[in-house]
Amino acid sequence: MGIPEVLADRAGECGLRPIIMLLGALSDFDVESKIYSYEGPFGVGYLVAGFQLKGRKAGSATQATARAPQKGE
């Protein structure tokens, strides 16, 4: 992701690895994201966000074998 390991360690990076996993899982999709809130009242950041899958990206390696969930599924 281009974040130096020293910087991630100093930042406390407790959420970095789960976010990297999420980005990998969503990498074949067109995604709309929305940040509902972010606050850091005690030096620790708290993020609440949502992701809406809009479909597979054109040319996705898995495009032929899977599809994005449809509304209501």
C-alpha atoms as a PDB file:
ATOM      1  CA  MET A   1       0.000   0.000   0.000  1.00  0.00           C
ATOM      2  CA  GLY A   2       2.970   2.286   0.141  1.00  0.00           C
ATOM      3  CA  ILE A   3       2.874   3.003   3.889  1.00  0.00           C
ATOM      4  CA  PRO A   4       6.344   2.703   5.400  1.00  0.00           C
ATOM      5  CA  GLU A   5       6.416  -0.009   8.088  1.00  0.00           C
ATOM      6  CA  VAL A   6       8.043   2.352  10.602  1.00  0.00           C
ATOM      7  CA  LEU A   7       5.225   4.884  10.142  1.00  0.00           C
ATOM      8  CA  ALA A   8       2.550   2.191  10.490  1.00  0.00           C
ATOM      9  CA  ASP A   9       4.192   0.886  13.684  1.00  0.00           C
ATOM     10  CA  ARG A  10       4.430   4.369  15.185  1.00  0.00           C
ATOM     11  CA  ALA A  11       0.816   5.111  14.280  1.00  0.00           C
ATOM     12  CA  GLY A  12      -0.397   2.087  16.191  1.00  0.00           C
ATOM     13  CA  GLU A  13      -1.815   0.575  12.964  1.00  0.00           C
ATOM     14  CA  CYS A  14      -4.284  -1.723  14.719  1.00  0.00           C
ATOM     15  CA  GLY A  15      -6.725  -1.346  11.803  1.00  0.00           C
ATOM     16  CA  LEU A  16      -4.223  -1.331   8.943  1.00  0.00           C
ATOM     17  CA  ARG A  17      -4.071  -5.060   8.240  1.00  0.00           C
ATOM     18  CA  PRO A  18      -7.875  -5.561   8.297  1.00  0.00           C
ATOM     19  CA  ILE A  19      -8.259  -2.602   5.931  1.00  0.00           C
ATOM     20  CA  ILE A  20      -5.655  -4.108   3.579  1.00  0.00           C
ATOM     21  CA  MET A  21      -7.636  -7.376   3.598  1.00  0.00           C
ATOM     22  CA  LEU A  22     -10.866  -5.477   2.881  1.00  0.00           C
ATOM     23  CA  LEU A  23      -9.289  -3.607  -0.032  1.00  0.00           C
ATOM     24  CA  GLY A  24      -8.007  -6.884  -1.453  1.00  0.00           C
ATOM     25  CA  ALA A  25     -11.451  -8.482  -1.164  1.00  0.00           C
ATOM     26  CA  LEU A  26     -13.029  -5.509  -2.953  1.00  0.00           C
ATOM     27  CA  SER A  27     -10.307  -5.070  -5.597  1.00  0.00           C
ATOM     28  CA  ASP A  28     -12.323  -6.746  -8.396  1.00  0.00           C
ATOM     29  CA  PHE A  29     -15.417  -4.648  -7.732  1.00  0.00           C
ATOM     30  CA  ASP A  30     -16.575  -1.152  -8.543  1.00  0.00           C
ATOM     31  CA  VAL A  31     -17.345   0.134  -5.064  1.00  0.00           C
ATOM     32  CA  GLU A  32     -19.102   3.205  -3.720  1.00  0.00           C
ATOM     33  CA  SER A  33     -17.960   4.101  -0.226  1.00  0.00           C
ATOM     34  CA  LYS A  34     -19.430   6.409   2.361  1.00  0.00           C
ATOM     35  CA  ILE A  35     -17.880   7.636   5.589  1.00  0.00           C
ATOM     36  CA  TYR A  36     -20.560   8.000   8.234  1.00  0.00           C
ATOM     37  CA  SER A  37     -18.314   9.285  11.005  1.00  0.00           C
ATOM     38  CA  TYR A  38     -14.721   9.604  12.101  1.00  0.00           C
ATOM     39  CA  GLU A  39     -13.514  10.830  15.445  1.00  0.00           C
ATOM     40  CA  GLY A  40     -10.374  10.589  17.523  1.00  0.00           C
ATOM     41  CA  PRO A  41     -11.355  11.775  20.986  1.00  0.00           C
ATOM     42  CA  PHE A  42      -8.540  10.078  22.902  1.00  0.00           C
ATOM     43  CA  GLY A  43      -5.786   9.861  20.315  1.00  0.00           C
ATOM     44  CA  VAL A  44      -7.332   6.768  18.731  1.00  0.00           C
ATOM     45  CA  GLY A  45      -9.362   7.124  15.552  1.00  0.00           C
ATOM     46  CA  TYR A  46     -12.799   5.552  15.177  1.00  0.00           C
ATOM     47  CA  LEU A  47     -14.176   5.201  11.662  1.00  0.00           C
ATOM     48  CA  VAL A  48     -17.653   4.082  10.638  1.00  0.00           C
ATOM     49  CA  ALA A  49     -17.994   3.519   6.890  1.00  0.00           C
ATOM     50  CA  GLY A  50     -20.045   1.533   4.412  1.00  0.00           C
ATOM     51  CA  PHE A  51     -19.325  -0.015   1.038  1.00  0.00           C
ATOM     52  CA  GLN A  52     -21.855  -0.644  -1.745  1.00  0.00           C
ATOM     53  CA  LEU A  53     -20.802  -3.078  -4.480  1.00  0.00           C
ATOM     54  CA  LYS A  54     -21.776  -1.730  -7.895  1.00  0.00           C
ATOM     55  CA  GLY A  55     -20.636  -4.733  -9.937  1.00  0.00           C
ATOM     56  CA  ARG A  56     -17.439  -6.366 -11.115  1.00  0.00           C
ATOM     57  CA  LYS A  57     -14.764  -4.288 -12.773  1.00  0.00           C
ATOM     58  CA  ALA A  58     -14.406  -4.831 -16.498  1.00  0.00           C
ATOM     59  CA  GLY A  59     -11.684  -7.359 -17.201  1.00  0.00           C
ATOM     60  CA  SER A  60     -11.793  -8.769 -13.672  1.00  0.00           C
ATOM     61  CA  ALA A  61     -10.138 -12.192 -13.417  1.00  0.00           C
ATOM     62  CA  THR A  62     -13.199 -13.557 -11.643  1.00  0.00           C
ATOM     63  CA  GLN A  63     -15.788 -11.726 -13.725  1.00  0.00           C
ATOM     64  CA  ALA A  64     -16.845 -14.831 -15.661  1.00  0.00           C
ATOM     65  CA  THR A  65     -17.356 -17.016 -12.579  1.00  0.00           C
ATOM     66  CA  ALA A  66     -18.976 -14.689 -10.055  1.00  0.00           C
ATOM     67  CA  ARG A  67     -21.182 -11.641  -9.834  1.00  0.00           C
ATOM     68  CA  ALA A  68     -21.836  -8.870  -7.345  1.00  0.00           C
ATOM     69  CA  PRO A  69     -24.787  -9.397  -5.009  1.00  0.00           C
ATOM     70  CA  GLN A  70     -27.981  -7.858  -6.331  1.00  0.00           C
ATOM     71  CA  LYS A  71     -30.161  -5.544  -4.271  1.00  0.00           C
ATOM     72  CA  GLY A  72     -32.359  -7.584  -1.981  1.00  0.00           C
ATOM     73  CA  GLU A  73     -30.079 -10.660  -1.893  1.00  0.00           C
END
